[in-house]
Amino acid sequence: MLVQFYNVSKIYPNGVKALDDISLKIDRGEFLFLMGPSGAGKSTLVRMLFREELPTRGQIFLASRSIVRMKRGEVPRLRRNIGIVFQDFKLLENKTTYENIAFAMEVVGASSKDIKERVTEVINMVGLKGKEKSFPGELSGGEQQRVGIARALTNYPLILIADEPTGNLDINTSHEIMELLFNINRAGTTVIMATHARELVKSAGKRVIMLEQGRIVADNPPGEIFL
């Protein structure tokens, strides 16, 4: 078991209950969709995985280690195990494709040799060979998202979290990005994707968790027809 949530609730100081007694287990190598309307608790749940939020009650474990009891100095090591892909890409506009991806390794102190090898590897993996020297403004939306995915993969994460990764893309590009995420998952990385894109989810045949008002209202196993 890779991720475990035990009776997790999150109540903000203004009284808003973002999560309400959530219990959830995610296996290594799973591909999991998180769905639900805005305000259902998807983003709060995801942020707890990399300890940007802490629960009001309950426990969260990643690879058998408690995220809640973790000391502040241990958080950077936790986050190296988690790659994050954003809806709005969050690329550095003054850096090239290569530099944007390399930056994720530079901040954790990787050697120049390791950076060169790994960045070249993930650029090829996401289909961006030939775009190494392009700046974000010279790339299409789909290409920018591929840079974001490559950056998220550089440090060999246990989990790839994709927060609405197709939200700013057309349907054809969205399918291309989904296929890339499936390939990453087939190679062994656990993928958790928050999305509103029902059509993409319906055709995927993956596990789907539905959230409403901070509670899990459905947990559809892989292969079950999702309507």
Protein backbone atom coordinates (compact mmCIF):
# COMPACT_ATOMS: atom_id res chain seq x y z
CA MET A 1 0.00 0.00 0.00
CA LEU A 2 1.46 3.35 -1.02
CA VAL A 3 -1.05 5.93 0.30
CA GLN A 4 -3.43 5.60 3.23
CA PHE A 5 -5.90 8.19 4.55
CA TYR A 6 -7.53 7.28 7.88
CA ASN A 7 -10.60 9.28 8.96
CA VAL A 8 -9.18 12.53 7.60
CA SER A 9 -11.13 15.75 8.11
CA LYS A 10 -10.10 19.30 7.28
CA ILE A 11 -11.95 22.26 8.77
CA TYR A 12 -10.61 25.72 7.92
CA PRO A 13 -10.57 28.57 10.48
CA ASN A 14 -13.61 30.15 8.76
CA GLY A 15 -15.62 26.99 9.52
CA VAL A 16 -15.60 25.53 6.00
CA LYS A 17 -15.31 21.72 6.11
CA ALA A 18 -13.19 20.80 3.07
CA LEU A 19 -12.86 17.08 3.91
CA ASP A 20 -15.20 15.08 6.11
CA ASP A 21 -13.95 11.77 7.55
CA ILE A 22 -12.13 10.54 4.43
CA SER A 23 -10.62 7.03 4.44
CA LEU A 24 -8.81 5.94 1.30
CA LYS A 25 -6.11 3.48 0.20
CA ILE A 26 -4.07 3.71 -3.01
CA ASP A 27 -1.79 0.89 -4.16
CA ARG A 28 1.63 1.28 -5.76
CA GLY A 29 1.28 1.52 -9.52
CA GLU A 30 -2.39 2.57 -9.49
CA PHE A 31 -3.91 5.18 -11.79
CA LEU A 32 -6.62 7.03 -9.90
CA PHE A 33 -9.01 9.77 -11.00
CA LEU A 34 -10.37 12.22 -8.42
CA MET A 35 -13.62 13.81 -9.57
CA GLY A 36 -16.26 16.08 -8.13
CA PRO A 37 -17.64 19.61 -8.44
CA SER A 38 -15.65 22.69 -7.45
CA GLY A 39 -15.39 22.81 -3.69
CA ALA A 40 -15.77 19.03 -3.32
CA GLY A 41 -12.36 18.71 -1.64
CA LYS A 42 -10.16 17.42 -4.48
CA SER A 43 -7.49 20.11 -4.17
CA THR A 44 -7.39 19.87 -0.38
CA LEU A 45 -6.91 16.10 -0.56
CA VAL A 46 -4.12 16.47 -3.11
CA ARG A 47 -2.35 19.23 -1.14
CA MET A 48 -2.28 17.00 1.93
CA LEU A 49 -0.21 14.43 0.06
CA PHE A 50 2.73 16.83 -0.22
CA ARG A 51 1.99 18.43 3.17
CA GLU A 52 0.93 21.81 1.92
CA GLU A 53 -2.11 21.26 4.15
CA LEU A 54 -2.44 19.26 7.36
CA PRO A 55 -5.66 17.56 8.47
CA THR A 56 -7.67 18.81 11.41
CA ARG A 57 -8.21 15.17 12.35
CA GLY A 58 -6.98 11.82 11.06
CA GLN A 59 -3.79 10.29 9.73
CA ILE A 60 -2.12 10.13 6.31
CA PHE A 61 0.65 7.68 5.40
CA LEU A 62 2.89 7.65 2.35
CA ALA A 63 5.01 4.50 1.97
CA SER A 64 4.16 3.65 5.61
CA ARG A 65 5.42 7.00 6.94
CA SER A 66 3.08 9.42 8.68
CA ILE A 67 2.89 12.72 6.80
CA VAL A 68 1.06 14.29 9.76
CA ARG A 69 3.77 13.46 12.33
CA MET A 70 6.62 14.35 9.98
CA LYS A 71 9.06 16.99 11.21
CA ARG A 72 9.38 20.19 9.20
CA GLY A 73 12.93 19.29 8.14
CA GLU A 74 11.68 16.03 6.58
CA VAL A 75 9.17 17.71 4.26
CA PRO A 76 11.64 18.48 1.39
CA ARG A 77 12.56 14.78 1.23
CA LEU A 78 8.85 13.88 1.12
CA ARG A 79 8.25 16.29 -1.76
CA ARG A 80 11.08 14.81 -3.81
CA ASN A 81 8.99 11.62 -3.94
CA ILE A 82 6.05 13.50 -5.46
CA GLY A 83 5.90 15.06 -8.94
CA ILE A 84 3.21 17.68 -9.55
CA VAL A 85 1.67 18.69 -12.89
CA PHE A 86 -0.42 21.88 -12.91
CA GLN A 87 -3.32 23.03 -15.08
CA ASP A 88 -1.58 26.32 -15.90
CA PHE A 89 1.86 24.69 -16.45
CA LYS A 90 3.76 27.04 -14.06
CA LEU A 91 6.82 27.23 -16.29
CA LEU A 92 9.54 29.88 -15.87
CA GLU A 93 9.07 32.13 -18.90
CA ASN A 94 12.74 33.19 -19.05
CA LYS A 95 14.02 29.62 -19.13
CA THR A 96 14.15 27.17 -22.03
CA THR A 97 12.54 23.73 -22.05
CA TYR A 98 15.85 22.20 -20.96
CA GLU A 99 16.39 24.81 -18.23
CA ASN A 100 12.84 24.51 -16.86
CA ILE A 101 13.23 20.76 -16.48
CA ALA A 102 16.79 20.96 -15.15
CA PHE A 103 15.74 23.48 -12.50
CA ALA A 104 13.78 20.80 -10.63
CA MET A 105 17.01 18.83 -10.21
CA GLU A 106 19.20 21.83 -9.46
CA VAL A 107 17.11 22.77 -6.41
CA VAL A 108 17.71 19.35 -4.85
CA GLY A 109 21.46 19.53 -5.49
CA ALA A 110 21.83 17.01 -8.32
CA SER A 111 25.19 16.89 -10.12
CA SER A 112 25.63 18.42 -13.58
CA LYS A 113 26.24 14.96 -15.03
CA ASP A 114 23.05 13.52 -13.52
CA ILE A 115 21.04 16.56 -14.64
CA LYS A 116 22.22 16.28 -18.23
CA GLU A 117 21.48 12.55 -18.41
CA ARG A 118 18.07 12.70 -16.73
CA VAL A 119 16.82 15.84 -18.52
CA THR A 120 17.73 14.32 -21.89
CA GLU A 121 15.95 11.12 -20.87
CA VAL A 122 12.67 12.77 -19.81
CA ILE A 123 12.66 15.12 -22.83
CA ASN A 124 12.73 12.06 -25.06
CA MET A 125 10.14 10.33 -22.86
CA VAL A 126 7.57 13.11 -23.28
CA GLY A 127 8.23 13.66 -26.99
CA LEU A 128 9.99 17.03 -26.87
CA LYS A 129 13.24 16.19 -28.64
CA GLY A 130 14.23 19.21 -30.73
CA LYS A 131 12.45 21.66 -28.38
CA GLU A 132 15.24 21.83 -25.78
CA LYS A 133 16.12 25.47 -26.56
CA SER A 134 12.54 26.73 -26.97
CA PHE A 135 11.07 29.16 -24.44
CA PRO A 136 7.52 28.58 -23.10
CA GLY A 137 6.14 31.38 -25.28
CA GLU A 138 7.36 29.49 -28.36
CA LEU A 139 5.56 26.27 -27.41
CA SER A 140 1.94 25.18 -27.85
CA GLY A 141 -0.19 24.49 -24.77
CA GLY A 142 0.30 20.76 -25.19
CA GLU A 143 4.06 21.17 -25.48
CA GLN A 144 4.13 23.35 -22.37
CA GLN A 145 2.24 20.67 -20.46
CA ARG A 146 4.74 18.07 -21.67
CA VAL A 147 7.50 20.25 -20.21
CA GLY A 148 5.56 20.33 -16.95
CA ILE A 149 5.24 16.54 -16.95
CA ALA A 150 8.93 16.08 -17.75
CA ARG A 151 9.87 18.43 -14.91
CA ALA A 152 7.63 16.44 -12.52
CA LEU A 153 9.39 13.21 -13.49
CA THR A 154 13.01 14.31 -13.11
CA ASN A 155 13.50 13.13 -9.52
CA TYR A 156 11.95 9.66 -10.06
CA PRO A 157 8.80 10.32 -8.02
CA LEU A 158 6.78 7.56 -6.35
CA ILE A 159 3.63 9.51 -7.18
CA LEU A 160 2.73 11.86 -10.02
CA ILE A 161 -0.10 14.23 -9.06
CA ALA A 162 -1.82 15.83 -12.04
CA ASP A 163 -4.19 18.65 -11.04
CA GLU A 164 -6.53 19.29 -14.00
CA PRO A 165 -3.65 18.73 -16.47
CA THR A 166 -5.92 18.97 -19.53
CA GLY A 167 -8.01 21.90 -18.28
CA ASN A 168 -6.41 24.43 -20.66
CA LEU A 169 -6.03 22.10 -23.66
CA ASP A 170 -8.22 21.16 -26.64
CA ILE A 171 -9.68 17.66 -26.83
CA ASN A 172 -7.09 16.19 -29.21
CA THR A 173 -4.18 17.52 -27.16
CA SER A 174 -5.92 16.32 -24.00
CA HIS A 175 -6.01 12.76 -25.37
CA GLU A 176 -2.28 12.99 -26.20
CA ILE A 177 -1.48 14.13 -22.64
CA MET A 178 -3.65 11.35 -21.22
CA GLU A 179 -1.80 8.74 -23.28
CA LEU A 180 1.49 10.12 -21.98
CA LEU A 181 0.23 9.83 -18.38
CA PHE A 182 -0.92 6.25 -19.05
CA ASN A 183 2.55 5.39 -20.39
CA ILE A 184 4.16 6.87 -17.28
CA ASN A 185 1.81 4.80 -15.14
CA ARG A 186 2.58 1.63 -17.12
CA ALA A 187 6.26 2.22 -16.39
CA GLY A 188 5.46 1.93 -12.66
CA THR A 189 4.69 5.44 -11.38
CA THR A 190 1.50 5.87 -9.35
CA VAL A 191 -0.66 8.60 -10.93
CA ILE A 192 -3.38 10.58 -9.14
CA MET A 193 -5.28 12.91 -11.46
CA ALA A 194 -7.89 15.45 -10.38
CA THR A 195 -10.18 16.36 -13.27
CA HIS A 196 -13.60 17.52 -14.46
CA ALA A 197 -13.13 15.87 -17.89
CA ARG A 198 -15.80 13.16 -17.77
CA GLU A 199 -15.26 12.03 -21.37
CA LEU A 200 -11.56 11.36 -20.74
CA VAL A 201 -12.40 9.45 -17.58
CA LYS A 202 -15.14 7.36 -19.21
CA SER A 203 -12.77 6.04 -21.88
CA ALA A 204 -9.88 5.32 -19.53
CA GLY A 205 -11.05 2.24 -17.61
CA LYS A 206 -9.30 3.39 -14.42
CA ARG A 207 -10.37 3.70 -10.79
CA VAL A 208 -12.54 6.76 -10.15
CA ILE A 209 -13.22 8.37 -6.78
CA MET A 210 -16.08 10.87 -6.62
CA LEU A 211 -16.05 13.57 -3.96
CA GLU A 212 -18.98 15.72 -2.91
CA GLN A 213 -18.96 18.21 -0.04
CA GLY A 214 -15.75 16.72 1.31
CA ARG A 215 -16.94 13.11 1.38
CA ILE A 216 -16.27 10.11 -0.88
CA VAL A 217 -19.62 9.29 -2.48
CA ALA A 218 -18.37 6.67 -4.98
CA ASP A 219 -15.26 4.56 -5.53
CA ASN A 220 -15.47 2.90 -8.96
CA PRO A 221 -12.85 0.17 -9.48
CA PRO A 222 -10.89 -0.10 -12.76
CA GLY A 223 -12.95 -1.38 -15.68
CA GLU A 224 -16.32 -0.55 -14.10
CA ILE A 225 -18.46 1.58 -16.43
CA PHE A 226 -18.31 5.18 -15.27
CA LEU A 227 -21.36 7.25 -16.30
